[in-house]
Amino acid sequence: MKRIFISLGLMALSLGASLFEIGYVKSKTENCLARIEEIDRMTGSGQTAQALAQCRALESAWDGDVKGIDVLLIHDYVDSVGTGIAKMRVHLENGNADMYFSESANAKKGLASIKGSEYPFLENIL
């Protein structure tokens, strides 16, 4: 009977850790997606200076968030998002809105992929 309780406890611990990981990654990626959308709106309306300041803040925040996410996920996925955010900033600094929007779309796609990879779907398990 002790073995059953121990195995149930370990199962509950595993489930709790999995739910925490899903919640953590989901919250960080959704926050980043929302901030990119806001920067997109600013850039589209010609508020380049404010968009650049927000992009720098986003890049700094992502550098902090990546430490927690990197432990949980494959590094290549996470690194490509960080590189995309850095390229977004550079394009804003150079005043190239078209290239900014291209990198923004790539970063959003990468964030959506990271978020989607954490859900317990059959394609993620196999």
N, C-alpha and C. Protein backbone atom coordinates (compact mmCIF):
# COMPACT_ATOMS: atom_id res chain seq x y z
N MET A 1 0.83 -1.19 0.00
CA MET A 1 0.00 0.00 0.00
C MET A 1 0.87 1.26 0.00
N LYS A 2 2.03 1.16 0.67
CA LYS A 2 2.93 2.30 0.71
C LYS A 2 3.41 2.66 -0.69
N ARG A 3 3.67 1.66 -1.51
CA ARG A 3 4.16 1.90 -2.87
C ARG A 3 3.12 2.64 -3.71
N ILE A 4 1.88 2.32 -3.49
CA ILE A 4 0.80 3.00 -4.23
C ILE A 4 0.77 4.47 -3.85
N PHE A 5 0.86 4.78 -2.58
CA PHE A 5 0.85 6.17 -2.14
C PHE A 5 2.09 6.93 -2.63
N ILE A 6 3.23 6.27 -2.61
CA ILE A 6 4.45 6.91 -3.10
C ILE A 6 4.33 7.18 -4.60
N SER A 7 3.83 6.20 -5.35
CA SER A 7 3.69 6.41 -6.79
C SER A 7 2.65 7.49 -7.10
N LEU A 8 1.56 7.53 -6.34
CA LEU A 8 0.56 8.58 -6.54
C LEU A 8 1.15 9.95 -6.20
N GLY A 9 1.96 10.02 -5.17
CA GLY A 9 2.62 11.27 -4.80
C GLY A 9 3.58 11.74 -5.88
N LEU A 10 4.36 10.80 -6.43
CA LEU A 10 5.28 11.16 -7.51
C LEU A 10 4.53 11.59 -8.77
N MET A 11 3.42 10.92 -9.05
CA MET A 11 2.60 11.31 -10.18
C MET A 11 2.04 12.72 -10.00
N ALA A 12 1.57 13.02 -8.80
CA ALA A 12 1.04 14.35 -8.52
C ALA A 12 2.14 15.41 -8.62
N LEU A 13 3.32 15.09 -8.15
CA LEU A 13 4.45 16.01 -8.25
C LEU A 13 4.82 16.27 -9.72
N SER A 14 4.84 15.22 -10.52
CA SER A 14 5.14 15.38 -11.95
C SER A 14 4.08 16.22 -12.65
N LEU A 15 2.83 15.95 -12.34
CA LEU A 15 1.75 16.72 -12.94
C LEU A 15 1.83 18.19 -12.53
N GLY A 16 2.09 18.44 -11.27
CA GLY A 16 2.21 19.82 -10.79
C GLY A 16 3.37 20.55 -11.46
N ALA A 17 4.52 19.88 -11.60
CA ALA A 17 5.68 20.50 -12.25
C ALA A 17 5.38 20.78 -13.72
N SER A 18 4.68 19.86 -14.38
CA SER A 18 4.32 20.07 -15.79
C SER A 18 3.38 21.25 -15.96
N LEU A 19 2.39 21.35 -15.09
CA LEU A 19 1.46 22.47 -15.16
C LEU A 19 2.15 23.80 -14.87
N PHE A 20 3.10 23.79 -13.94
CA PHE A 20 3.86 25.00 -13.66
C PHE A 20 4.66 25.42 -14.88
N GLU A 21 5.32 24.46 -15.53
CA GLU A 21 6.12 24.77 -16.71
C GLU A 21 5.26 25.35 -17.83
N ILE A 22 4.11 24.72 -18.08
CA ILE A 22 3.21 25.21 -19.12
C ILE A 22 2.76 26.63 -18.80
N GLY A 23 2.38 26.88 -17.56
CA GLY A 23 1.93 28.21 -17.16
C GLY A 23 3.01 29.25 -17.26
N TYR A 24 4.22 28.89 -16.84
CA TYR A 24 5.34 29.83 -16.88
C TYR A 24 5.68 30.22 -18.32
N VAL A 25 5.83 29.24 -19.18
CA VAL A 25 6.19 29.52 -20.57
C VAL A 25 5.06 30.28 -21.26
N LYS A 26 3.82 29.88 -21.00
CA LYS A 26 2.68 30.55 -21.62
C LYS A 26 2.62 32.02 -21.21
N SER A 27 2.80 32.30 -19.93
CA SER A 27 2.71 33.69 -19.47
C SER A 27 3.82 34.55 -20.05
N LYS A 28 5.03 34.02 -20.11
CA LYS A 28 6.16 34.79 -20.65
C LYS A 28 5.99 35.04 -22.14
N THR A 29 5.55 34.03 -22.89
CA THR A 29 5.40 34.23 -24.33
C THR A 29 4.23 35.14 -24.66
N GLU A 30 3.12 35.01 -23.93
CA GLU A 30 1.98 35.89 -24.19
C GLU A 30 2.31 37.34 -23.85
N ASN A 31 3.06 37.55 -22.78
CA ASN A 31 3.48 38.90 -22.41
C ASN A 31 4.36 39.49 -23.52
N CYS A 32 5.27 38.70 -24.02
CA CYS A 32 6.17 39.17 -25.07
C CYS A 32 5.39 39.44 -26.37
N LEU A 33 4.45 38.57 -26.70
CA LEU A 33 3.62 38.79 -27.88
C LEU A 33 2.81 40.08 -27.78
N ALA A 34 2.26 40.33 -26.60
CA ALA A 34 1.48 41.56 -26.40
C ALA A 34 2.36 42.80 -26.54
N ARG A 35 3.57 42.71 -26.03
CA ARG A 35 4.48 43.86 -26.14
C ARG A 35 4.91 44.10 -27.59
N ILE A 36 5.13 43.03 -28.34
CA ILE A 36 5.48 43.19 -29.75
C ILE A 36 4.31 43.81 -30.52
N GLU A 37 3.09 43.38 -30.22
CA GLU A 37 1.91 43.96 -30.87
C GLU A 37 1.82 45.46 -30.58
N GLU A 38 2.12 45.85 -29.35
CA GLU A 38 2.09 47.27 -28.99
C GLU A 38 3.16 48.04 -29.75
N ILE A 39 4.36 47.46 -29.86
CA ILE A 39 5.43 48.11 -30.62
C ILE A 39 5.05 48.21 -32.09
N ASP A 40 4.39 47.18 -32.61
CA ASP A 40 3.90 47.22 -34.00
C ASP A 40 2.94 48.39 -34.20
N ARG A 41 2.03 48.57 -33.26
CA ARG A 41 1.06 49.68 -33.37
C ARG A 41 1.78 51.03 -33.34
N MET A 42 2.75 51.16 -32.45
CA MET A 42 3.50 52.42 -32.37
C MET A 42 4.26 52.68 -33.66
N THR A 43 4.90 51.65 -34.18
CA THR A 43 5.68 51.81 -35.41
C THR A 43 4.76 52.15 -36.58
N GLY A 44 3.63 51.50 -36.65
CA GLY A 44 2.68 51.76 -37.72
C GLY A 44 2.10 53.16 -37.68
N SER A 45 1.99 53.73 -36.47
CA SER A 45 1.43 55.07 -36.35
C SER A 45 2.50 56.16 -36.34
N GLY A 46 3.75 55.78 -36.60
CA GLY A 46 4.82 56.77 -36.72
C GLY A 46 5.47 57.17 -35.42
N GLN A 47 5.19 56.50 -34.34
CA GLN A 47 5.81 56.81 -33.04
C GLN A 47 7.09 56.00 -32.89
N THR A 48 8.05 56.28 -33.74
CA THR A 48 9.25 55.46 -33.81
C THR A 48 10.10 55.56 -32.54
N ALA A 49 10.21 56.73 -31.96
CA ALA A 49 11.03 56.89 -30.76
C ALA A 49 10.45 56.08 -29.59
N GLN A 50 9.13 56.14 -29.42
CA GLN A 50 8.50 55.38 -28.35
C GLN A 50 8.60 53.88 -28.62
N ALA A 51 8.44 53.51 -29.90
CA ALA A 51 8.55 52.10 -30.28
C ALA A 51 9.95 51.57 -30.02
N LEU A 52 10.95 52.39 -30.32
CA LEU A 52 12.34 51.99 -30.08
C LEU A 52 12.60 51.82 -28.59
N ALA A 53 12.08 52.72 -27.78
CA ALA A 53 12.26 52.60 -26.33
C ALA A 53 11.58 51.33 -25.80
N GLN A 54 10.39 51.05 -26.30
CA GLN A 54 9.68 49.83 -25.88
C GLN A 54 10.40 48.58 -26.37
N CYS A 55 10.97 48.63 -27.55
CA CYS A 55 11.70 47.49 -28.09
C CYS A 55 12.95 47.21 -27.27
N ARG A 56 13.63 48.27 -26.87
CA ARG A 56 14.80 48.08 -26.00
C ARG A 56 14.39 47.47 -24.66
N ALA A 57 13.28 47.94 -24.11
CA ALA A 57 12.78 47.38 -22.85
C ALA A 57 12.38 45.92 -23.03
N LEU A 58 11.76 45.60 -24.16
CA LEU A 58 11.38 44.22 -24.45
C LEU A 58 12.61 43.33 -24.57
N GLU A 59 13.63 43.83 -25.26
CA GLU A 59 14.86 43.05 -25.41
C GLU A 59 15.50 42.77 -24.06
N SER A 60 15.51 43.76 -23.20
CA SER A 60 16.06 43.59 -21.86
C SER A 60 15.23 42.60 -21.04
N ALA A 61 13.91 42.72 -21.14
CA ALA A 61 13.03 41.81 -20.40
C ALA A 61 13.18 40.38 -20.92
N TRP A 62 13.29 40.22 -22.24
CA TRP A 62 13.45 38.88 -22.81
C TRP A 62 14.77 38.25 -22.34
N ASP A 63 15.82 39.08 -22.25
CA ASP A 63 17.10 38.55 -21.76
C ASP A 63 16.97 38.02 -20.34
N GLY A 64 16.11 38.63 -19.53
CA GLY A 64 15.87 38.13 -18.18
C GLY A 64 14.97 36.90 -18.19
N ASP A 65 13.94 36.92 -19.01
CA ASP A 65 12.99 35.80 -19.07
C ASP A 65 13.63 34.55 -19.67
N VAL A 66 14.57 34.75 -20.58
CA VAL A 66 15.15 33.62 -21.29
C VAL A 66 15.91 32.70 -20.34
N LYS A 67 16.39 33.22 -19.24
CA LYS A 67 17.12 32.38 -18.28
C LYS A 67 16.22 31.30 -17.71
N GLY A 68 14.97 31.63 -17.44
CA GLY A 68 14.04 30.64 -16.93
C GLY A 68 13.49 29.73 -18.01
N ILE A 69 13.26 30.29 -19.19
CA ILE A 69 12.70 29.51 -20.28
C ILE A 69 13.74 28.56 -20.88
N ASP A 70 14.99 29.00 -20.93
CA ASP A 70 16.06 28.21 -21.51
C ASP A 70 16.25 26.88 -20.79
N VAL A 71 15.99 26.86 -19.51
CA VAL A 71 16.12 25.63 -18.72
C VAL A 71 15.07 24.62 -19.15
N LEU A 72 13.91 25.10 -19.57
CA LEU A 72 12.78 24.25 -19.85
C LEU A 72 12.66 23.82 -21.31
N LEU A 73 13.22 24.58 -22.22
CA LEU A 73 12.98 24.34 -23.65
C LEU A 73 14.28 24.15 -24.41
N ILE A 74 14.15 23.79 -25.69
CA ILE A 74 15.30 23.63 -26.57
C ILE A 74 15.88 25.03 -26.86
N HIS A 75 17.18 25.16 -26.74
CA HIS A 75 17.83 26.47 -26.84
C HIS A 75 17.65 27.13 -28.20
N ASP A 76 17.63 26.36 -29.27
CA ASP A 76 17.54 26.95 -30.61
C ASP A 76 16.27 27.76 -30.79
N TYR A 77 15.15 27.25 -30.28
CA TYR A 77 13.88 27.97 -30.41
C TYR A 77 13.93 29.29 -29.65
N VAL A 78 14.45 29.24 -28.46
CA VAL A 78 14.49 30.41 -27.60
C VAL A 78 15.48 31.44 -28.14
N ASP A 79 16.63 30.97 -28.62
CA ASP A 79 17.64 31.88 -29.14
C ASP A 79 17.17 32.61 -30.39
N SER A 80 16.39 31.93 -31.23
CA SER A 80 15.93 32.59 -32.45
C SER A 80 14.98 33.74 -32.14
N VAL A 81 14.19 33.60 -31.09
CA VAL A 81 13.29 34.70 -30.70
C VAL A 81 14.12 35.88 -30.19
N GLY A 82 15.13 35.62 -29.37
CA GLY A 82 15.99 36.69 -28.88
C GLY A 82 16.71 37.41 -29.99
N THR A 83 17.17 36.65 -30.97
CA THR A 83 17.83 37.25 -32.14
C THR A 83 16.85 38.09 -32.94
N GLY A 84 15.62 37.60 -33.07
CA GLY A 84 14.60 38.35 -33.80
C GLY A 84 14.28 39.67 -33.12
N ILE A 85 14.19 39.67 -31.80
CA ILE A 85 13.91 40.91 -31.06
C ILE A 85 15.06 41.89 -31.23
N ALA A 86 16.30 41.38 -31.19
CA ALA A 86 17.46 42.26 -31.39
C ALA A 86 17.45 42.86 -32.80
N LYS A 87 17.07 42.06 -33.79
CA LYS A 87 17.00 42.58 -35.16
C LYS A 87 15.88 43.61 -35.29
N MET A 88 14.78 43.40 -34.58
CA MET A 88 13.70 44.38 -34.59
C MET A 88 14.22 45.73 -34.11
N ARG A 89 14.97 45.71 -33.01
CA ARG A 89 15.53 46.95 -32.46
C ARG A 89 16.45 47.63 -33.45
N VAL A 90 17.32 46.85 -34.09
CA VAL A 90 18.27 47.42 -35.05
C VAL A 90 17.53 48.06 -36.22
N HIS A 91 16.50 47.41 -36.71
CA HIS A 91 15.74 47.98 -37.83
C HIS A 91 15.01 49.26 -37.42
N LEU A 92 14.53 49.31 -36.18
CA LEU A 92 13.92 50.55 -35.70
C LEU A 92 14.95 51.66 -35.58
N GLU A 93 16.14 51.31 -35.10
CA GLU A 93 17.21 52.31 -34.98
C GLU A 93 17.60 52.87 -36.34
N ASN A 94 17.56 52.01 -37.36
CA ASN A 94 17.92 52.43 -38.72
C ASN A 94 16.76 53.06 -39.47
N GLY A 95 15.57 53.06 -38.87
CA GLY A 95 14.40 53.66 -39.50
C GLY A 95 13.82 52.84 -40.63
N ASN A 96 14.07 51.55 -40.63
CA ASN A 96 13.59 50.66 -41.70
C ASN A 96 12.37 49.90 -41.19
N ALA A 97 11.20 50.49 -41.39
CA ALA A 97 9.96 49.92 -40.85
C ALA A 97 9.59 48.61 -41.54
N ASP A 98 9.85 48.49 -42.83
CA ASP A 98 9.49 47.26 -43.54
C ASP A 98 10.25 46.06 -42.99
N MET A 99 11.54 46.23 -42.80
CA MET A 99 12.34 45.13 -42.24
C MET A 99 11.96 44.87 -40.78
N TYR A 100 11.58 45.93 -40.06
CA TYR A 100 11.12 45.74 -38.69
C TYR A 100 9.90 44.83 -38.66
N PHE A 101 8.92 45.11 -39.51
CA PHE A 101 7.69 44.31 -39.52
C PHE A 101 7.97 42.87 -39.95
N SER A 102 8.94 42.68 -40.81
CA SER A 102 9.32 41.32 -41.21
C SER A 102 9.89 40.55 -40.02
N GLU A 103 10.79 41.19 -39.29
CA GLU A 103 11.38 40.54 -38.10
C GLU A 103 10.34 40.37 -37.00
N SER A 104 9.44 41.32 -36.89
CA SER A 104 8.37 41.23 -35.90
C SER A 104 7.51 40.00 -36.16
N ALA A 105 7.17 39.79 -37.43
CA ALA A 105 6.36 38.61 -37.78
C ALA A 105 7.10 37.32 -37.47
N ASN A 106 8.40 37.30 -37.74
CA ASN A 106 9.20 36.10 -37.44
C ASN A 106 9.28 35.86 -35.93
N ALA A 107 9.46 36.92 -35.16
CA ALA A 107 9.53 36.76 -33.71
C ALA A 107 8.20 36.29 -33.14
N LYS A 108 7.10 36.83 -33.66
CA LYS A 108 5.78 36.40 -33.19
C LYS A 108 5.52 34.94 -33.55
N LYS A 109 5.96 34.54 -34.72
CA LYS A 109 5.80 33.15 -35.14
C LYS A 109 6.63 32.22 -34.24
N GLY A 110 7.83 32.65 -33.90
CA GLY A 110 8.68 31.85 -33.00
C GLY A 110 8.09 31.75 -31.61
N LEU A 111 7.53 32.84 -31.10
CA LEU A 111 6.90 32.82 -29.78
C LEU A 111 5.67 31.91 -29.77
N ALA A 112 4.88 31.98 -30.83
CA ALA A 112 3.70 31.11 -30.92
C ALA A 112 4.12 29.65 -30.98
N SER A 113 5.22 29.38 -31.67
CA SER A 113 5.72 28.01 -31.76
C SER A 113 6.20 27.51 -30.40
N ILE A 114 6.88 28.37 -29.65
CA ILE A 114 7.34 27.99 -28.31
C ILE A 114 6.15 27.69 -27.43
N LYS A 115 5.17 28.57 -27.46
CA LYS A 115 3.97 28.38 -26.63
C LYS A 115 3.24 27.11 -27.02
N GLY A 116 3.08 26.87 -28.31
CA GLY A 116 2.38 25.69 -28.78
C GLY A 116 3.10 24.39 -28.49
N SER A 117 4.42 24.45 -28.39
CA SER A 117 5.19 23.23 -28.16
C SER A 117 5.04 22.71 -26.73
N GLU A 118 4.51 23.50 -25.84
CA GLU A 118 4.37 23.09 -24.45
C GLU A 118 3.06 22.38 -24.14
N TYR A 119 2.09 22.49 -25.01
CA TYR A 119 0.79 21.86 -24.75
C TYR A 119 0.86 20.36 -24.99
N PRO A 120 0.11 19.59 -24.23
CA PRO A 120 0.20 18.13 -24.35
C PRO A 120 -0.61 17.58 -25.54
N PHE A 121 -0.23 18.00 -26.73
CA PHE A 121 -0.84 17.49 -27.94
C PHE A 121 -0.08 16.25 -28.39
N LEU A 122 -0.72 15.44 -29.19
CA LEU A 122 -0.12 14.20 -29.64
C LEU A 122 1.18 14.45 -30.41
N GLU A 123 1.20 15.47 -31.28
CA GLU A 123 2.42 15.74 -32.06
C GLU A 123 3.57 16.21 -31.18
N ASN A 124 3.28 16.80 -30.03
CA ASN A 124 4.33 17.22 -29.11
C ASN A 124 4.87 16.04 -28.28
N ILE A 125 4.05 15.06 -28.07
CA ILE A 125 4.45 13.92 -27.26
C ILE A 125 5.27 12.93 -28.07
N LEU A 126 4.84 12.71 -29.31
CA LEU A 126 5.55 11.74 -30.17
C LEU A 126 6.70 12.39 -30.83
